[in-house]
Protein backbone atom coordinates (compact mmCIF):
# COMPACT_ATOMS: atom_id res chain seq x y z
CA MET A 1 0.00 0.00 0.00
CA THR A 2 1.43 3.36 -1.06
CA SER A 3 0.29 6.56 0.62
CA GLU A 4 1.03 10.27 0.29
CA ARG A 5 -0.22 12.97 2.67
CA VAL A 6 0.23 16.68 1.90
CA PHE A 7 -0.62 19.63 4.15
CA LEU A 8 -1.10 23.27 3.30
CA PRO A 9 2.23 25.12 3.44
CA ARG A 10 3.19 25.82 7.06
CA PRO A 11 3.02 29.65 6.77
CA ILE A 12 -0.47 29.45 5.27
CA ARG A 13 -1.66 27.13 8.06
CA TRP A 14 -0.34 29.47 10.75
CA ILE A 15 -1.86 32.54 9.07
CA LEU A 16 -5.27 30.85 8.82
CA LEU A 17 -5.12 29.62 12.40
CA ALA A 18 -4.07 33.03 13.74
CA ALA A 19 -6.75 34.79 11.68
CA GLY A 20 -9.47 32.46 12.95
CA VAL A 21 -8.44 32.84 16.58
CA ALA A 22 -8.04 36.63 16.29
CA PHE A 23 -11.40 36.95 14.54
CA LEU A 24 -13.15 34.87 17.17
CA ALA A 25 -11.51 36.73 20.08
CA SER A 26 -12.21 40.21 18.72
CA TYR A 27 -15.77 39.32 17.82
CA ALA A 28 -16.40 37.80 21.24
CA LEU A 29 -15.15 40.98 22.90
CA ALA A 30 -17.40 43.13 20.71
CA GLU A 31 -20.49 40.98 21.34
CA VAL A 32 -20.00 40.21 25.02
CA ARG A 33 -23.33 41.82 25.99
CA ASP A 34 -25.69 40.01 23.63
CA LEU A 35 -24.63 36.47 22.67
CA GLY A 36 -27.43 35.36 20.40
CA LEU A 37 -27.89 33.44 17.16
CA TRP A 38 -26.41 36.37 15.23
CA PHE A 39 -23.12 35.94 17.11
CA ILE A 40 -23.01 32.23 16.30
CA LEU A 41 -23.77 32.70 12.61
CA THR A 42 -21.48 35.66 11.95
CA GLY A 43 -18.70 35.05 14.47
CA VAL A 44 -18.28 31.47 15.54
CA VAL A 45 -19.01 29.74 12.23
CA PRO A 46 -16.53 31.76 10.09
CA ALA A 47 -13.86 31.51 12.79
CA PHE A 48 -14.39 27.77 13.11
CA CYS A 49 -14.17 27.32 9.32
CA THR A 50 -10.94 29.34 9.18
CA ILE A 51 -9.39 27.32 12.00
CA VAL A 52 -10.43 24.01 10.42
CA ALA A 53 -9.03 25.13 7.05
CA SER A 54 -5.64 25.60 8.69
CA PHE A 55 -5.53 21.87 9.47
CA CYS A 56 -6.70 20.57 6.07
CA TRP A 57 -4.61 17.90 4.44
CA SER A 58 -4.87 15.68 1.43
CA ARG A 59 -3.92 12.06 1.00
CA VAL A 60 -3.66 9.75 -1.97
CA ARG A 61 -3.46 6.09 -1.06
CA VAL A 62 -3.36 2.95 -3.15
CA ALA A 63 -5.33 0.33 -1.25
CA GLY A 64 -6.98 -2.99 -1.97
CA ALA A 65 -10.18 -1.57 -3.48
CA GLY A 66 -8.61 1.19 -5.55
CA VAL A 67 -7.10 4.63 -5.20
CA GLU A 68 -8.33 6.65 -2.23
CA PHE A 69 -8.35 10.44 -2.49
CA VAL A 70 -8.98 12.38 0.73
CA TRP A 71 -9.06 16.11 1.34
CA TRP A 72 -9.81 16.24 5.04
CA PRO A 73 -12.41 17.14 6.27
CA LEU A 74 -14.53 17.63 3.14
CA PHE A 75 -13.78 15.05 0.46
CA TRP A 76 -13.35 11.27 0.40
CA ARG A 77 -13.41 9.24 -2.79
CA THR A 78 -12.22 5.79 -3.75
CA VAL A 79 -11.69 5.13 -7.44
CA ALA A 80 -11.89 1.43 -8.26
CA PHE A 81 -9.04 0.06 -10.35
CA ALA A 82 -11.57 -1.22 -12.91
CA ASP A 83 -12.81 2.38 -13.49
CA ILE A 84 -9.36 3.85 -14.24
CA ALA A 85 -8.54 4.61 -17.88
CA SER A 86 -5.13 6.18 -17.28
CA VAL A 87 -2.84 7.67 -14.67
CA ALA A 88 -0.12 10.27 -15.21
CA GLU A 89 2.27 12.59 -13.41
CA VAL A 90 1.19 16.23 -13.71
CA GLU A 91 2.37 19.63 -12.49
CA LEU A 92 -0.27 21.38 -10.38
CA ASP A 93 -0.13 25.10 -9.68
CA PRO A 94 -2.65 26.60 -7.22
CA GLN A 95 -2.87 29.78 -9.34
CA GLU A 96 -4.01 27.79 -12.36
CA GLN A 97 -6.58 25.90 -10.27
CA GLY A 98 -8.11 28.95 -8.60
CA GLY A 99 -6.20 28.70 -5.32
CA TRP A 100 -5.33 26.15 -2.67
CA GLY A 101 -7.76 23.53 -1.51
CA LEU A 102 -10.45 21.35 -3.02
CA ARG A 103 -11.22 22.55 -6.55
CA LYS A 104 -13.87 21.28 -8.94
CA PRO A 105 -13.05 22.32 -12.51
CA ALA A 106 -15.19 21.05 -15.38
CA GLY A 107 -14.92 17.29 -15.59
CA GLY A 108 -13.02 16.57 -12.42
CA VAL A 109 -11.72 17.26 -8.94
CA VAL A 110 -8.34 18.72 -7.98
CA LEU A 111 -6.81 18.50 -4.49
CA VAL A 112 -4.11 21.15 -4.36
CA ASN A 113 -2.43 22.00 -1.05
CA ARG A 114 0.74 23.37 -2.61
CA ASP A 115 2.30 23.76 -6.02
CA GLY A 116 4.36 20.97 -7.47
CA CYS A 117 4.11 17.54 -8.94
CA GLY A 118 1.13 15.30 -8.53
CA ILE A 119 -0.91 12.59 -10.15
CA GLN A 120 -3.98 12.65 -12.33
CA VAL A 121 -6.24 9.62 -12.50
CA THR A 122 -8.56 9.70 -15.53
CA LEU A 123 -11.62 7.50 -15.32
CA LYS A 124 -13.24 5.59 -18.17
CA ASN A 125 -16.23 7.98 -18.05
CA GLY A 126 -13.92 10.91 -18.90
CA THR A 127 -13.77 12.55 -15.46
CA PHE A 128 -10.54 12.89 -13.52
CA VAL A 129 -9.15 13.30 -10.00
CA SER A 130 -5.84 15.10 -9.50
CA ALA A 131 -3.82 15.64 -6.35
CA VAL A 132 -0.47 17.08 -5.35
CA VAL A 133 1.86 14.44 -3.91
CA ALA A 134 5.47 14.57 -2.79
CA GLU A 135 6.61 11.66 -4.98
CA PRO A 136 4.21 10.78 -7.80
CA ALA A 137 6.36 8.15 -9.54
CA PRO A 138 5.77 5.28 -7.04
CA LEU A 139 2.02 5.98 -7.01
CA VAL A 140 1.82 6.06 -10.81
CA GLN A 141 3.80 2.82 -11.07
CA GLU A 142 1.65 1.00 -8.52
CA ILE A 143 -1.64 2.22 -10.00
CA THR A 144 -0.46 1.29 -13.51
CA ALA A 145 0.55 -2.17 -12.30
CA ARG A 146 -2.79 -2.78 -10.59
CA THR A 147 -4.89 -1.54 -13.50
CA ALA A 148 -2.93 -3.60 -16.03
CA GLY A 149 -3.68 -6.89 -14.27
């Protein structure tokens, strides 16, 4: 079983975490008199989302059933080996994808936590799943070997 886990770049994680905590603290101080539903919807929820985003990570894993793509905490997908048409190494740039994170361009899904090399699995129905990984070659070789047999 081959597995790759990629986090957001460390400076981005710290900036998001600090922004979420600062936003929540300043908002709590401003709303200390009247803590109602408005406070929860406009203060706690955005701060929580920002803090959670700072801990997002992606993983690509070749397992018994197929290739598992995870972008924690929002996306889990297993692509069966029988559904894979091709697999290739690709260069993924967050600027070309619309930024870091889980992206859904026409015809596929892209998990991009940093720029660099990754893999793209194209399915027989024409859709694709791409993800940034530290070392794509072993993943591509293993997926190719399992889909050939």
